[in-house]
Amino acid sequence: MFELTQIVNRPTRVTRTSKTLIDHFITKHPQKVTNTGIIPCSIVSDYDAIYACVNVRLPRFQPRYKFIRDIRNFNEDVFKEYFSTLPLSVDVI
């Protein structure tokens, strides 16, 4: 009904008398799951952990450019004169 797929198909709880899948990883896009598996955790718990590697690529950011300087009334001589008055020297002590 929801087009979901169970990815993990190995049992995550194994005892002497039974094997049960108690952890689920369900997705609508199984083609994006590249790897799944079980991590043994017998020292910590009586069932194992699951893991999945999911490829979630996001679309690249498309750069946008905005020009904010209006050069229609640009006067090169005035610019040079203004630029020559800027204090660009560095005094070393």
Protein backbone atom coordinates (compact mmCIF):
# COMPACT_ATOMS: atom_id res chain seq x y z
CA MET A 1 0.00 0.00 0.00
CA PHE A 2 2.84 2.45 0.88
CA GLU A 3 5.43 0.81 -1.44
CA LEU A 4 7.88 0.26 1.45
CA THR A 5 10.69 -2.31 1.42
CA GLN A 6 12.32 -4.07 4.37
CA ILE A 7 16.10 -3.83 3.90
CA VAL A 8 17.47 -5.99 6.73
CA ASN A 9 16.57 -9.64 6.23
CA ARG A 10 18.88 -11.43 8.70
CA PRO A 11 17.81 -12.15 12.30
CA THR A 12 19.01 -9.66 14.90
CA ARG A 13 18.18 -11.73 17.98
CA VAL A 14 19.66 -15.20 18.02
CA THR A 15 19.24 -17.59 20.93
CA ARG A 16 19.80 -21.34 21.23
CA THR A 17 16.18 -22.02 20.34
CA SER A 18 15.15 -19.17 18.03
CA LYS A 19 16.21 -16.58 15.49
CA THR A 20 14.12 -13.42 15.24
CA LEU A 21 14.30 -10.21 13.23
CA ILE A 22 13.32 -7.55 15.77
CA ASP A 23 14.99 -4.45 14.24
CA HIS A 24 13.62 -3.09 11.01
CA PHE A 25 14.97 -0.74 8.36
CA ILE A 26 12.14 0.17 6.01
CA THR A 27 12.47 2.54 3.04
CA LYS A 28 10.57 3.69 0.02
CA HIS A 29 13.80 4.01 -2.00
CA PRO A 30 15.77 0.75 -1.64
CA GLN A 31 18.04 1.69 -4.56
CA LYS A 32 19.61 4.40 -2.36
CA VAL A 33 20.74 1.85 0.26
CA THR A 34 24.23 0.74 -0.71
CA ASN A 35 25.10 -1.57 2.18
CA THR A 36 23.42 -3.10 5.22
CA GLY A 37 24.48 -5.52 7.87
CA ILE A 38 24.43 -6.73 11.44
CA ILE A 39 26.87 -5.60 14.14
CA PRO A 40 27.37 -8.31 16.78
CA CYS A 41 26.75 -6.93 20.28
CA SER A 42 26.69 -10.13 22.34
CA ILE A 43 28.74 -8.60 25.16
CA VAL A 44 26.32 -5.68 25.70
CA SER A 45 22.93 -7.10 24.78
CA ASP A 46 21.08 -10.25 23.76
CA TYR A 47 20.41 -8.91 20.28
CA ASP A 48 22.58 -7.39 17.56
CA ALA A 49 22.48 -3.90 16.03
CA ILE A 50 21.80 -3.13 12.41
CA TYR A 51 23.49 -0.59 10.15
CA ALA A 52 22.79 0.82 6.71
CA CYS A 53 24.71 3.05 4.33
CA VAL A 54 22.32 5.35 2.51
CA ASN A 55 23.30 7.44 -0.49
CA VAL A 56 21.52 10.77 0.00
CA ARG A 57 22.91 13.06 -2.64
CA LEU A 58 21.64 16.58 -2.58
CA PRO A 59 21.49 18.80 -5.64
CA ARG A 60 24.50 21.07 -5.97
CA PHE A 61 24.09 24.71 -5.11
CA GLN A 62 23.78 26.77 -8.25
CA PRO A 63 25.76 30.00 -7.84
CA ARG A 64 23.93 33.24 -8.47
CA TYR A 65 25.64 36.48 -9.33
CA LYS A 66 24.35 39.91 -8.50
CA PHE A 67 26.19 42.96 -9.72
CA ILE A 68 25.72 45.89 -7.37
CA ARG A 69 28.09 48.40 -8.93
CA ASP A 70 26.72 50.73 -11.57
CA ILE A 71 29.48 51.67 -14.00
CA ARG A 72 27.38 53.71 -16.40
CA ASN A 73 28.64 56.96 -14.88
CA PHE A 74 32.16 55.73 -14.16
CA ASN A 75 34.90 58.32 -14.61
CA GLU A 76 38.36 56.78 -14.61
CA ASP A 77 40.19 60.02 -13.78
CA VAL A 78 38.03 60.68 -10.70
CA PHE A 79 38.55 57.09 -9.57
CA LYS A 80 42.35 57.35 -9.88
CA GLU A 81 42.37 60.61 -7.97
CA TYR A 82 40.26 59.17 -5.17
CA PHE A 83 42.34 55.97 -5.05
CA SER A 84 45.58 57.97 -4.77
CA THR A 85 44.32 59.62 -1.56
CA LEU A 86 43.72 56.34 0.26
CA PRO A 87 46.16 55.58 3.12
CA LEU A 88 47.57 52.30 1.80
CA SER A 89 51.03 52.52 3.31
CA VAL A 90 51.91 50.36 6.30
CA ASP A 91 54.07 51.89 9.01
CA VAL A 92 56.45 49.41 10.64
CA ILE A 93 57.37 50.19 14.21
